[in-house]
């Protein structure tokens, strides 16, 4: 059975929805359109980054945010080194470029770091770093 895990992005969704509610009040009181555009943007960010799902199949690693509007795929053969990593708080949430790696994260500081044959480094945030690392290292991928 392949590995599949979804982490909820409470620390992205909650502030977006709080600011969206505040923005809705401003839009209602001022009767202006710009706050409505900001409100729509905040709700869209909350939906897209509401979760991060990671799947390990026989031949590929796949991950996507929220409802899966876009999906990232990585052939397992492209991965050279798999380690459990801890991000710094200033690396942030969402899709980020940090010093030496690209980060995909919705909550927390734990991640699995993937060093690729191309030399790129990718970190995928997860609240199950040991489970994800084990699934990636498993000879029977995902099991």
N, C-alpha and C. Protein backbone atom coordinates (compact mmCIF):
# COMPACT_ATOMS: atom_id res chain seq x y z
N UNK A 1 0.85 -1.18 0.00
CA UNK A 1 0.00 0.00 0.00
C UNK A 1 0.89 1.24 0.00
N UNK A 2 0.65 2.20 -0.88
CA UNK A 2 1.49 3.39 -0.93
C UNK A 2 1.30 4.28 0.28
N UNK A 3 2.29 5.11 0.54
CA UNK A 3 2.24 6.08 1.62
C UNK A 3 1.42 7.28 1.16
N UNK A 4 0.54 7.74 2.02
CA UNK A 4 -0.25 8.95 1.76
C UNK A 4 -0.53 9.62 3.09
N UNK A 5 -0.19 10.91 3.17
CA UNK A 5 -0.40 11.65 4.42
C UNK A 5 -0.78 13.09 4.10
N UNK A 6 -1.77 13.60 4.81
CA UNK A 6 -2.20 14.98 4.64
C UNK A 6 -1.99 15.74 5.94
N UNK A 7 -1.33 16.87 5.84
CA UNK A 7 -1.12 17.76 6.99
C UNK A 7 -1.99 18.99 6.79
N UNK A 8 -2.71 19.39 7.82
CA UNK A 8 -3.56 20.57 7.76
C UNK A 8 -2.74 21.83 7.99
N UNK A 9 -3.09 22.90 7.30
CA UNK A 9 -2.35 24.15 7.38
C UNK A 9 -3.05 25.20 8.21
N UNK A 10 -3.30 24.90 9.47
CA UNK A 10 -4.03 25.80 10.35
C UNK A 10 -3.36 27.17 10.46
N UNK A 11 -2.03 27.21 10.48
CA UNK A 11 -1.32 28.48 10.68
C UNK A 11 -1.32 29.35 9.43
N UNK A 12 -1.81 28.85 8.32
CA UNK A 12 -2.02 29.69 7.14
C UNK A 12 -3.50 30.05 7.04
N UNK A 13 -4.37 29.07 7.24
CA UNK A 13 -5.80 29.27 7.07
C UNK A 13 -6.36 30.26 8.10
N UNK A 14 -6.03 30.09 9.35
CA UNK A 14 -6.60 30.92 10.41
C UNK A 14 -6.32 32.41 10.21
N UNK A 15 -5.07 32.83 10.02
CA UNK A 15 -4.85 34.26 9.80
C UNK A 15 -5.52 34.79 8.53
N UNK A 16 -5.53 33.99 7.47
CA UNK A 16 -6.18 34.42 6.23
C UNK A 16 -7.67 34.68 6.46
N UNK A 17 -8.32 33.77 7.17
CA UNK A 17 -9.75 33.93 7.40
C UNK A 17 -10.05 35.07 8.37
N UNK A 18 -9.20 35.28 9.36
CA UNK A 18 -9.38 36.41 10.29
C UNK A 18 -9.25 37.73 9.53
N UNK A 19 -8.20 37.85 8.72
CA UNK A 19 -8.01 39.07 7.93
C UNK A 19 -9.11 39.23 6.89
N UNK A 20 -9.60 38.12 6.34
CA UNK A 20 -10.70 38.19 5.37
C UNK A 20 -11.96 38.73 6.03
N UNK A 21 -12.25 38.28 7.25
CA UNK A 21 -13.42 38.78 7.98
C UNK A 21 -13.27 40.27 8.27
N UNK A 22 -12.09 40.68 8.71
CA UNK A 22 -11.81 42.10 8.97
C UNK A 22 -11.98 42.90 7.68
N UNK A 23 -11.49 42.36 6.58
CA UNK A 23 -11.58 43.01 5.29
C UNK A 23 -13.04 43.10 4.82
N UNK A 24 -13.83 42.10 5.12
CA UNK A 24 -15.25 42.12 4.75
C UNK A 24 -15.96 43.26 5.46
N UNK A 25 -15.62 43.48 6.72
CA UNK A 25 -16.22 44.58 7.47
C UNK A 25 -15.83 45.92 6.85
N UNK A 26 -14.56 46.05 6.47
CA UNK A 26 -14.10 47.28 5.83
C UNK A 26 -14.83 47.49 4.50
N UNK A 27 -14.95 46.45 3.72
CA UNK A 27 -15.64 46.56 2.42
C UNK A 27 -17.10 46.95 2.61
N UNK A 28 -17.74 46.37 3.60
CA UNK A 28 -19.15 46.66 3.85
C UNK A 28 -19.35 48.10 4.30
N UNK A 29 -18.45 48.57 5.17
CA UNK A 29 -18.60 49.93 5.70
C UNK A 29 -18.19 51.01 4.69
N UNK A 30 -17.20 50.75 3.87
CA UNK A 30 -16.71 51.77 2.94
C UNK A 30 -17.37 51.68 1.57
N UNK A 31 -17.99 50.55 1.27
CA UNK A 31 -18.63 50.31 -0.03
C UNK A 31 -17.64 50.47 -1.19
N UNK A 32 -16.40 50.05 -0.96
CA UNK A 32 -15.37 50.11 -2.00
C UNK A 32 -15.08 48.71 -2.50
N UNK A 33 -14.55 48.61 -3.74
CA UNK A 33 -14.29 47.31 -4.36
C UNK A 33 -12.92 46.75 -4.03
N UNK A 34 -11.95 47.59 -3.75
CA UNK A 34 -10.61 47.07 -3.48
C UNK A 34 -10.59 46.10 -2.30
N UNK A 35 -11.23 46.41 -1.18
CA UNK A 35 -11.24 45.42 -0.08
C UNK A 35 -11.88 44.09 -0.48
N UNK A 36 -12.81 44.10 -1.42
CA UNK A 36 -13.44 42.85 -1.88
C UNK A 36 -12.41 42.01 -2.64
N UNK A 37 -11.57 42.66 -3.44
CA UNK A 37 -10.52 41.94 -4.16
C UNK A 37 -9.53 41.31 -3.18
N UNK A 38 -9.18 42.04 -2.14
CA UNK A 38 -8.27 41.51 -1.11
C UNK A 38 -8.94 40.33 -0.39
N UNK A 39 -10.21 40.46 -0.10
CA UNK A 39 -10.97 39.39 0.55
C UNK A 39 -10.95 38.12 -0.29
N UNK A 40 -11.18 38.26 -1.58
CA UNK A 40 -11.16 37.10 -2.48
C UNK A 40 -9.78 36.46 -2.50
N UNK A 41 -8.74 37.28 -2.55
CA UNK A 41 -7.37 36.77 -2.54
C UNK A 41 -7.07 36.01 -1.24
N UNK A 42 -7.48 36.55 -0.11
CA UNK A 42 -7.23 35.89 1.18
C UNK A 42 -7.96 34.55 1.28
N UNK A 43 -9.19 34.50 0.81
CA UNK A 43 -9.94 33.24 0.84
C UNK A 43 -9.29 32.22 -0.10
N UNK A 44 -8.83 32.66 -1.26
CA UNK A 44 -8.16 31.76 -2.21
C UNK A 44 -6.88 31.19 -1.60
N UNK A 45 -6.09 32.02 -0.94
CA UNK A 45 -4.86 31.54 -0.28
C UNK A 45 -5.22 30.54 0.81
N UNK A 46 -6.27 30.81 1.59
CA UNK A 46 -6.69 29.89 2.65
C UNK A 46 -7.09 28.54 2.07
N UNK A 47 -7.79 28.54 0.95
CA UNK A 47 -8.21 27.27 0.33
C UNK A 47 -7.02 26.51 -0.23
N UNK A 48 -6.17 27.21 -0.99
CA UNK A 48 -5.04 26.54 -1.64
C UNK A 48 -4.07 25.97 -0.62
N UNK A 49 -3.78 26.72 0.44
CA UNK A 49 -2.80 26.27 1.42
C UNK A 49 -3.44 25.68 2.68
N UNK A 50 -4.65 25.16 2.56
CA UNK A 50 -5.34 24.56 3.70
C UNK A 50 -4.73 23.23 4.12
N UNK A 51 -4.01 22.59 3.22
CA UNK A 51 -3.38 21.32 3.55
C UNK A 51 -2.26 21.02 2.56
N UNK A 52 -1.43 20.07 2.93
CA UNK A 52 -0.37 19.56 2.06
C UNK A 52 -0.44 18.05 2.10
N UNK A 53 -0.71 17.44 0.96
CA UNK A 53 -0.80 15.99 0.87
C UNK A 53 0.44 15.47 0.15
N UNK A 54 1.05 14.44 0.75
CA UNK A 54 2.25 13.83 0.18
C UNK A 54 1.94 12.35 -0.05
N UNK A 55 2.29 11.87 -1.25
CA UNK A 55 2.07 10.47 -1.60
C UNK A 55 3.36 9.88 -2.16
N UNK A 56 3.66 8.67 -1.73
CA UNK A 56 4.81 7.94 -2.26
C UNK A 56 4.27 6.69 -2.93
N UNK A 57 4.49 6.59 -4.23
CA UNK A 57 4.08 5.42 -4.99
C UNK A 57 5.29 4.57 -5.32
N UNK A 58 5.13 3.63 -6.23
CA UNK A 58 6.23 2.74 -6.60
C UNK A 58 7.39 3.48 -7.25
N UNK A 59 7.08 4.47 -8.08
CA UNK A 59 8.12 5.12 -8.86
C UNK A 59 8.20 6.63 -8.70
N UNK A 60 7.27 7.22 -7.94
CA UNK A 60 7.30 8.67 -7.84
C UNK A 60 6.80 9.17 -6.51
N UNK A 61 7.30 10.36 -6.17
CA UNK A 61 6.84 11.13 -5.03
C UNK A 61 5.94 12.21 -5.60
N UNK A 62 4.80 12.42 -4.97
CA UNK A 62 3.86 13.40 -5.45
C UNK A 62 3.36 14.21 -4.27
N UNK A 63 3.23 15.52 -4.43
CA UNK A 63 2.66 16.34 -3.36
C UNK A 63 1.86 17.48 -3.96
N UNK A 64 0.84 17.89 -3.20
CA UNK A 64 -0.01 18.98 -3.66
C UNK A 64 -0.63 19.69 -2.46
N UNK A 65 -0.94 20.95 -2.68
CA UNK A 65 -1.57 21.79 -1.66
C UNK A 65 -3.07 21.77 -1.83
N UNK A 66 -3.80 21.84 -0.72
CA UNK A 66 -5.25 21.98 -0.71
C UNK A 66 -5.96 21.00 -1.62
N UNK A 67 -6.84 21.53 -2.48
CA UNK A 67 -7.62 20.64 -3.34
C UNK A 67 -6.84 20.07 -4.51
N UNK A 68 -5.59 20.42 -4.66
CA UNK A 68 -4.76 19.83 -5.71
C UNK A 68 -4.86 20.55 -7.04
N UNK A 69 -4.95 21.88 -6.99
CA UNK A 69 -5.03 22.65 -8.24
C UNK A 69 -3.80 22.43 -9.11
N UNK A 70 -2.64 22.25 -8.48
CA UNK A 70 -1.45 21.84 -9.21
C UNK A 70 -0.72 20.82 -8.35
N UNK A 71 -0.04 19.91 -9.02
CA UNK A 71 0.62 18.80 -8.36
C UNK A 71 2.09 18.79 -8.72
N UNK A 72 2.92 18.53 -7.73
CA UNK A 72 4.36 18.37 -7.96
C UNK A 72 4.66 16.89 -8.01
N UNK A 73 5.48 16.48 -8.98
CA UNK A 73 5.86 15.08 -9.13
C UNK A 73 7.38 15.00 -9.22
N UNK A 74 7.92 13.95 -8.59
CA UNK A 74 9.36 13.75 -8.62
C UNK A 74 9.62 12.25 -8.74
N UNK A 75 10.29 11.82 -9.80
CA UNK A 75 10.64 10.40 -9.90
C UNK A 75 11.55 10.01 -8.73
N UNK A 76 11.27 8.88 -8.12
CA UNK A 76 12.07 8.46 -6.97
C UNK A 76 13.53 8.22 -7.35
N UNK A 77 13.79 7.87 -8.61
CA UNK A 77 15.15 7.66 -9.07
C UNK A 77 15.98 8.94 -9.10
N UNK A 78 15.33 10.10 -9.04
CA UNK A 78 16.04 11.38 -9.03
C UNK A 78 16.55 11.76 -7.63
N UNK A 79 16.12 11.01 -6.61
CA UNK A 79 16.50 11.34 -5.23
C UNK A 79 17.76 10.59 -4.86
N UNK A 80 18.77 11.33 -4.40
CA UNK A 80 20.03 10.72 -3.96
C UNK A 80 20.06 10.48 -2.45
N UNK A 81 19.71 11.51 -1.67
CA UNK A 81 19.80 11.44 -0.22
C UNK A 81 18.49 11.91 0.40
N UNK A 82 18.03 11.18 1.41
CA UNK A 82 16.80 11.50 2.12
C UNK A 82 17.15 11.68 3.59
N UNK A 83 16.85 12.85 4.15
CA UNK A 83 17.10 13.10 5.57
C UNK A 83 15.92 13.82 6.20
N UNK A 84 15.76 13.63 7.49
CA UNK A 84 14.77 14.39 8.25
C UNK A 84 15.42 15.71 8.62
N UNK A 85 14.70 16.81 8.41
CA UNK A 85 15.26 18.14 8.65
C UNK A 85 14.31 18.95 9.54
N UNK A 86 14.86 19.99 10.11
CA UNK A 86 14.06 20.92 10.92
C UNK A 86 14.29 22.32 10.34
N UNK A 87 13.23 22.95 9.91
CA UNK A 87 13.31 24.29 9.34
C UNK A 87 13.42 25.33 10.44
N UNK A 88 13.93 26.46 10.11
CA UNK A 88 13.93 27.61 11.01
C UNK A 88 12.57 28.30 10.84
N UNK A 89 12.13 28.98 11.87
CA UNK A 89 10.82 29.63 11.79
C UNK A 89 10.79 30.68 10.69
N UNK A 90 11.91 31.31 10.40
CA UNK A 90 11.93 32.37 9.40
C UNK A 90 11.88 31.83 7.97
N UNK A 91 11.98 30.50 7.79
CA UNK A 91 11.82 29.93 6.45
C UNK A 91 10.38 30.07 5.96
N UNK A 92 9.46 30.21 6.89
CA UNK A 92 8.08 30.52 6.54
C UNK A 92 7.24 29.33 6.11
N UNK A 93 6.07 29.66 5.58
CA UNK A 93 5.09 28.67 5.15
C UNK A 93 4.76 28.91 3.67
N UNK A 94 4.22 27.89 3.04
CA UNK A 94 3.88 28.00 1.63
C UNK A 94 4.99 27.43 0.77
N UNK A 95 5.21 28.04 -0.37
CA UNK A 95 6.27 27.62 -1.29
C UNK A 95 7.34 28.69 -1.20
N UNK A 96 8.52 28.31 -0.73
CA UNK A 96 9.55 29.30 -0.45
C UNK A 96 10.90 28.85 -0.99
N UNK A 97 11.69 29.83 -1.36
CA UNK A 97 13.10 29.59 -1.67
C UNK A 97 13.87 30.05 -0.44
N UNK A 98 14.62 29.16 0.14
CA UNK A 98 15.45 29.51 1.28
C UNK A 98 16.91 29.32 0.87
N UNK A 99 17.81 29.64 1.74
CA UNK A 99 19.24 29.50 1.43
C UNK A 99 19.56 28.02 1.20
N UNK A 100 19.75 27.64 -0.05
CA UNK A 100 20.18 26.29 -0.38
C UNK A 100 19.08 25.27 -0.64
N UNK A 101 17.81 25.65 -0.50
CA UNK A 101 16.75 24.67 -0.76
C UNK A 101 15.44 25.36 -1.08
N UNK A 102 14.53 24.58 -1.67
CA UNK A 102 13.17 25.02 -1.92
C UNK A 102 12.28 24.31 -0.90
N UNK A 103 11.36 25.05 -0.29
CA UNK A 103 10.52 24.53 0.78
C UNK A 103 9.05 24.53 0.37
N UNK A 104 8.36 23.43 0.65
CA UNK A 104 6.92 23.32 0.48
C UNK A 104 6.37 22.97 1.85
N UNK A 105 5.56 23.88 2.45
CA UNK A 105 5.20 23.70 3.85
C UNK A 105 3.89 24.42 4.16
N UNK A 106 3.05 23.81 5.00
CA UNK A 106 1.82 24.48 5.44
C UNK A 106 1.75 24.67 6.95
N UNK A 107 2.60 23.99 7.70
CA UNK A 107 2.53 24.12 9.15
C UNK A 107 3.76 23.48 9.78
N UNK A 108 4.18 24.02 10.89
CA UNK A 108 5.26 23.41 11.66
C UNK A 108 6.64 23.59 11.05
N UNK A 109 7.62 22.98 11.71
CA UNK A 109 9.02 23.13 11.31
C UNK A 109 9.64 21.85 10.76
N UNK A 110 8.99 20.72 10.96
CA UNK A 110 9.55 19.44 10.52
C UNK A 110 9.40 19.26 9.01
N UNK A 111 10.41 18.60 8.42
CA UNK A 111 10.39 18.37 6.98
C UNK A 111 11.26 17.17 6.64
N UNK A 112 11.13 16.71 5.42
CA UNK A 112 12.04 15.72 4.86
C UNK A 112 12.81 16.43 3.76
N UNK A 113 14.13 16.35 3.85
CA UNK A 113 14.98 17.00 2.87
C UNK A 113 15.41 15.99 1.82
N UNK A 114 15.27 16.36 0.56
CA UNK A 114 15.62 15.50 -0.56
C UNK A 114 16.75 16.16 -1.35
N UNK A 115 17.87 15.49 -1.40
CA UNK A 115 18.97 15.97 -2.25
C UNK A 115 18.88 15.20 -3.55
N UNK A 116 18.72 15.95 -4.63
CA UNK A 116 18.47 15.35 -5.93
C UNK A 116 19.75 15.18 -6.73
N UNK A 117 19.72 14.28 -7.69
CA UNK A 117 20.88 14.04 -8.56
C UNK A 117 21.29 15.31 -9.30
N UNK A 118 20.35 16.18 -9.56
CA UNK A 118 20.62 17.43 -10.26
C UNK A 118 21.39 18.43 -9.40
N UNK A 119 21.48 18.15 -8.10
CA UNK A 119 22.13 19.07 -7.17
C UNK A 119 21.14 19.94 -6.41
N UNK A 120 19.90 19.95 -6.85
CA UNK A 120 18.87 20.73 -6.15
C UNK A 120 18.53 20.07 -4.82
N UNK A 121 18.05 20.89 -3.89
CA UNK A 121 17.61 20.40 -2.59
C UNK A 121 16.17 20.85 -2.40
N UNK A 122 15.32 19.92 -2.00
CA UNK A 122 13.90 20.18 -1.83
C UNK A 122 13.51 19.71 -0.43
N UNK A 123 12.79 20.55 0.30
CA UNK A 123 12.25 20.15 1.60
C UNK A 123 10.73 20.14 1.53
N UNK A 124 10.16 19.04 1.99
CA UNK A 124 8.71 18.92 2.04
C UNK A 124 8.31 18.87 3.51
N UNK A 125 7.57 19.89 3.93
CA UNK A 125 7.11 19.96 5.31
C UNK A 125 6.10 18.87 5.61
N UNK A 126 6.19 18.34 6.81
CA UNK A 126 5.26 17.28 7.21
C UNK A 126 5.23 17.17 8.73
N UNK A 127 4.12 16.71 9.27
CA UNK A 127 4.06 16.40 10.70
C UNK A 127 4.34 14.91 10.93
N UNK A 128 4.77 14.21 9.88
CA UNK A 128 5.17 12.80 9.95
C UNK A 128 6.51 12.61 9.22
N UNK A 129 7.58 13.30 9.67
CA UNK A 129 8.83 13.21 8.92
C UNK A 129 9.45 11.81 8.92
N UNK A 130 9.34 11.10 10.03
CA UNK A 130 9.92 9.75 10.08
C UNK A 130 9.16 8.78 9.18
N UNK A 131 7.85 8.90 9.15
CA UNK A 131 7.04 8.04 8.28
C UNK A 131 7.30 8.30 6.81
N UNK A 132 7.40 9.58 6.44
CA UNK A 132 7.67 9.92 5.05
C UNK A 132 9.07 9.48 4.64
N UNK A 133 10.05 9.72 5.49
CA UNK A 133 11.42 9.31 5.17
C UNK A 133 11.51 7.79 5.03
N UNK A 134 10.83 7.06 5.93
CA UNK A 134 10.84 5.59 5.85
C UNK A 134 10.18 5.11 4.56
N UNK A 135 9.07 5.75 4.17
CA UNK A 135 8.39 5.34 2.94
C UNK A 135 9.27 5.60 1.72
N UNK A 136 10.01 6.71 1.75
CA UNK A 136 10.89 7.03 0.62
C UNK A 136 12.09 6.10 0.55
N UNK A 137 12.55 5.64 1.72
CA UNK A 137 13.73 4.77 1.76
C UNK A 137 13.39 3.29 1.58
N UNK A 138 12.13 2.96 1.70
CA UNK A 138 11.68 1.58 1.64
C UNK A 138 11.99 0.94 0.30
N UNK A 139 12.53 -0.30 0.31
CA UNK A 139 12.78 -0.99 -0.95
C UNK A 139 11.47 -1.29 -1.69
N UNK A 140 10.40 -1.51 -0.94
CA UNK A 140 9.07 -1.69 -1.54
C UNK A 140 8.37 -0.34 -1.36
N UNK A 141 8.63 0.60 -2.24
CA UNK A 141 8.22 2.00 -2.10
C UNK A 141 6.83 2.15 -1.53
N UNK A 142 6.75 2.97 -0.48
CA UNK A 142 5.47 3.25 0.14
C UNK A 142 5.06 2.19 1.12
N UNK A 143 5.84 1.19 1.36
CA UNK A 143 5.42 0.14 2.27
C UNK A 143 6.40 -0.13 3.23
